[in-house]
Amino acid sequence: MEIRMRNKTLKAFTLIEMLVVLLIISVLLLLFIPNLAKEKKNIENTGQTAVVKVVESQAELYQLDKQEGPSLGKLVSSGLITQKQADSYNDYYAKNPNAKRHVPN
């Protein structure tokens, strides 16, 4: 019994082609990852700025309602803001010491 094999050519990627593709993907990752880190910082700063505005508007409402000066402790105890928002407010002014703080601790 004789077995005959036909000559078949298989099309496949060569090692060099695979390395080129991996090199291109690596370069693209090196370009995009630092930009993503910068965007994350910008998003965090925007979020903290929004929290500052919320805290300051709640402080104004507290002052109008209670006829006394607001503080972060009073806002938290009255339920107008959360402790996390108060901490974020303090963090914002720790990072930006030149900004004018409207609500004391």
C-alpha atoms as a PDB file:
ATOM      1  CA  MET A   1       0.000   0.000   0.000  1.00  0.00           C
ATOM      2  CA  GLU A   2       1.452   3.245  -1.090  1.00  0.00           C
ATOM      3  CA  ILE A   3       0.502   6.605   0.408  1.00  0.00           C
ATOM      4  CA  ARG A   4       1.021   9.626  -1.685  1.00  0.00           C
ATOM      5  CA  MET A   5       1.179  13.087  -0.168  1.00  0.00           C
ATOM      6  CA  ARG A   6       0.210  16.000  -2.249  1.00  0.00           C
ATOM      7  CA  ASN A   7       2.349  19.078  -2.086  1.00  0.00           C
ATOM      8  CA  LYS A   8       0.223  21.630  -0.302  1.00  0.00           C
ATOM      9  CA  THR A   9       1.386  25.087   0.524  1.00  0.00           C
ATOM     10  CA  LEU A  10      -0.011  26.483   3.710  1.00  0.00           C
ATOM     11  CA  LYS A  11      -0.349  30.200   4.015  1.00  0.00           C
ATOM     12  CA  ALA A  12       0.652  31.475   7.426  1.00  0.00           C
ATOM     13  CA  PHE A  13       2.317  34.412   9.104  1.00  0.00           C
ATOM     14  CA  THR A  14       6.064  34.316   9.385  1.00  0.00           C
ATOM     15  CA  LEU A  15       7.870  35.025  12.618  1.00  0.00           C
ATOM     16  CA  ILE A  16       9.081  38.375  11.301  1.00  0.00           C
ATOM     17  CA  GLU A  17       5.552  39.463  10.410  1.00  0.00           C
ATOM     18  CA  MET A  18       4.351  38.569  13.906  1.00  0.00           C
ATOM     19  CA  LEU A  19       7.227  40.513  15.474  1.00  0.00           C
ATOM     20  CA  VAL A  20       6.413  43.568  13.359  1.00  0.00           C
ATOM     21  CA  VAL A  21       2.778  43.450  14.458  1.00  0.00           C
ATOM     22  CA  LEU A  22       3.807  43.131  18.118  1.00  0.00           C
ATOM     23  CA  LEU A  23       6.218  46.050  17.717  1.00  0.00           C
ATOM     24  CA  ILE A  24       3.481  48.256  16.264  1.00  0.00           C
ATOM     25  CA  ILE A  25       1.081  47.345  19.068  1.00  0.00           C
ATOM     26  CA  SER A  26       3.767  48.064  21.679  1.00  0.00           C
ATOM     27  CA  VAL A  27       4.488  51.494  20.200  1.00  0.00           C
ATOM     28  CA  LEU A  28       0.789  52.363  20.169  1.00  0.00           C
ATOM     29  CA  LEU A  29       0.451  51.320  23.815  1.00  0.00           C
ATOM     30  CA  LEU A  30       3.455  53.444  24.766  1.00  0.00           C
ATOM     31  CA  LEU A  31       1.809  56.435  23.096  1.00  0.00           C
ATOM     32  CA  PHE A  32      -1.654  56.026  24.636  1.00  0.00           C
ATOM     33  CA  ILE A  33      -1.005  54.935  28.232  1.00  0.00           C
ATOM     34  CA  PRO A  34       0.619  58.222  29.400  1.00  0.00           C
ATOM     35  CA  ASN A  35      -2.276  60.174  27.867  1.00  0.00           C
ATOM     36  CA  LEU A  36      -4.779  58.025  29.745  1.00  0.00           C
ATOM     37  CA  ALA A  37      -2.976  58.738  33.023  1.00  0.00           C
ATOM     38  CA  LYS A  38      -3.148  62.491  32.348  1.00  0.00           C
ATOM     39  CA  GLU A  39      -6.843  62.252  31.532  1.00  0.00           C
ATOM     40  CA  LYS A  40      -7.475  60.376  34.769  1.00  0.00           C
ATOM     41  CA  LYS A  41      -5.897  63.231  36.738  1.00  0.00           C
ATOM     42  CA  ASN A  42      -8.001  65.773  34.822  1.00  0.00           C
ATOM     43  CA  ILE A  43     -11.154  63.806  35.570  1.00  0.00           C
ATOM     44  CA  GLU A  44     -10.282  63.592  39.269  1.00  0.00           C
ATOM     45  CA  ASN A  45      -9.650  67.353  39.388  1.00  0.00           C
ATOM     46  CA  THR A  46     -12.968  68.026  37.668  1.00  0.00           C
ATOM     47  CA  GLY A  47     -14.726  65.755  40.152  1.00  0.00           C
ATOM     48  CA  GLN A  48     -13.137  67.515  43.106  1.00  0.00           C
ATOM     49  CA  THR A  49     -14.111  70.894  41.677  1.00  0.00           C
ATOM     50  CA  ALA A  50     -17.710  69.684  41.393  1.00  0.00           C
ATOM     51  CA  VAL A  51     -17.658  68.499  45.018  1.00  0.00           C
ATOM     52  CA  VAL A  52     -16.352  71.909  46.115  1.00  0.00           C
ATOM     53  CA  LYS A  53     -19.265  73.607  44.350  1.00  0.00           C
ATOM     54  CA  VAL A  54     -21.748  71.206  45.961  1.00  0.00           C
ATOM     55  CA  VAL A  55     -20.320  71.786  49.437  1.00  0.00           C
ATOM     56  CA  GLU A  56     -20.330  75.551  48.986  1.00  0.00           C
ATOM     57  CA  SER A  57     -23.917  75.588  47.715  1.00  0.00           C
ATOM     58  CA  GLN A  58     -25.007  73.404  50.634  1.00  0.00           C
ATOM     59  CA  ALA A  59     -23.201  75.815  52.974  1.00  0.00           C
ATOM     60  CA  GLU A  60     -25.189  78.706  51.513  1.00  0.00           C
ATOM     61  CA  LEU A  61     -28.445  76.788  51.995  1.00  0.00           C
ATOM     62  CA  TYR A  62     -27.447  75.956  55.566  1.00  0.00           C
ATOM     63  CA  GLN A  63     -26.693  79.603  56.303  1.00  0.00           C
ATOM     64  CA  LEU A  64     -30.034  80.727  54.858  1.00  0.00           C
ATOM     65  CA  ASP A  65     -31.938  78.046  56.771  1.00  0.00           C
ATOM     66  CA  LYS A  66     -30.206  78.191  60.169  1.00  0.00           C
ATOM     67  CA  GLN A  67     -29.120  81.836  60.188  1.00  0.00           C
ATOM     68  CA  GLU A  68     -25.648  80.840  61.414  1.00  0.00           C
ATOM     69  CA  GLY A  69     -22.258  80.301  59.867  1.00  0.00           C
ATOM     70  CA  PRO A  70     -21.737  76.875  58.302  1.00  0.00           C
ATOM     71  CA  SER A  71     -18.804  74.544  58.862  1.00  0.00           C
ATOM     72  CA  LEU A  72     -17.998  71.162  57.401  1.00  0.00           C
ATOM     73  CA  GLY A  73     -18.840  69.468  60.701  1.00  0.00           C
ATOM     74  CA  LYS A  74     -22.254  71.139  60.825  1.00  0.00           C
ATOM     75  CA  LEU A  75     -22.991  70.232  57.200  1.00  0.00           C
ATOM     76  CA  VAL A  76     -22.071  66.581  57.788  1.00  0.00           C
ATOM     77  CA  SER A  77     -24.022  66.330  61.047  1.00  0.00           C
ATOM     78  CA  SER A  78     -27.119  67.879  59.461  1.00  0.00           C
ATOM     79  CA  GLY A  79     -26.918  65.423  56.553  1.00  0.00           C
ATOM     80  CA  LEU A  80     -26.444  68.017  53.824  1.00  0.00           C
ATOM     81  CA  ILE A  81     -23.126  66.485  52.713  1.00  0.00           C
ATOM     82  CA  THR A  82     -21.362  63.190  53.359  1.00  0.00           C
ATOM     83  CA  GLN A  83     -18.079  62.723  55.174  1.00  0.00           C
ATOM     84  CA  LYS A  84     -16.525  61.656  51.882  1.00  0.00           C
ATOM     85  CA  GLN A  85     -17.543  64.984  50.329  1.00  0.00           C
ATOM     86  CA  ALA A  86     -16.073  66.846  53.307  1.00  0.00           C
ATOM     87  CA  ASP A  87     -12.816  64.910  52.942  1.00  0.00           C
ATOM     88  CA  SER A  88     -12.721  65.658  49.213  1.00  0.00           C
ATOM     89  CA  TYR A  89     -13.325  69.348  49.977  1.00  0.00           C
ATOM     90  CA  ASN A  90     -10.382  69.365  52.402  1.00  0.00           C
ATOM     91  CA  ASP A  91      -8.200  67.516  49.876  1.00  0.00           C
ATOM     92  CA  TYR A  92      -8.993  70.075  47.196  1.00  0.00           C
ATOM     93  CA  TYR A  93      -7.859  72.963  49.383  1.00  0.00           C
ATOM     94  CA  ALA A  94      -4.801  71.012  50.543  1.00  0.00           C
ATOM     95  CA  LYS A  95      -3.773  70.658  46.883  1.00  0.00           C
ATOM     96  CA  ASN A  96      -4.733  74.273  46.065  1.00  0.00           C
ATOM     97  CA  PRO A  97      -3.558  76.378  49.023  1.00  0.00           C
ATOM     98  CA  ASN A  98      -3.962  79.672  47.121  1.00  0.00           C
ATOM     99  CA  ALA A  99      -7.677  79.102  46.492  1.00  0.00           C
ATOM    100  CA  LYS A 100     -10.085  80.931  48.787  1.00  0.00           C
ATOM    101  CA  ARG A 101     -11.847  78.534  51.133  1.00  0.00           C
ATOM    102  CA  HIS A 102     -15.500  79.416  51.816  1.00  0.00           C
ATOM    103  CA  VAL A 103     -16.443  76.767  54.385  1.00  0.00           C
ATOM    104  CA  PRO A 104     -14.258  76.222  57.471  1.00  0.00           C
ATOM    105  CA  ASN A 105     -13.739  72.863  59.093  1.00  0.00           C
END
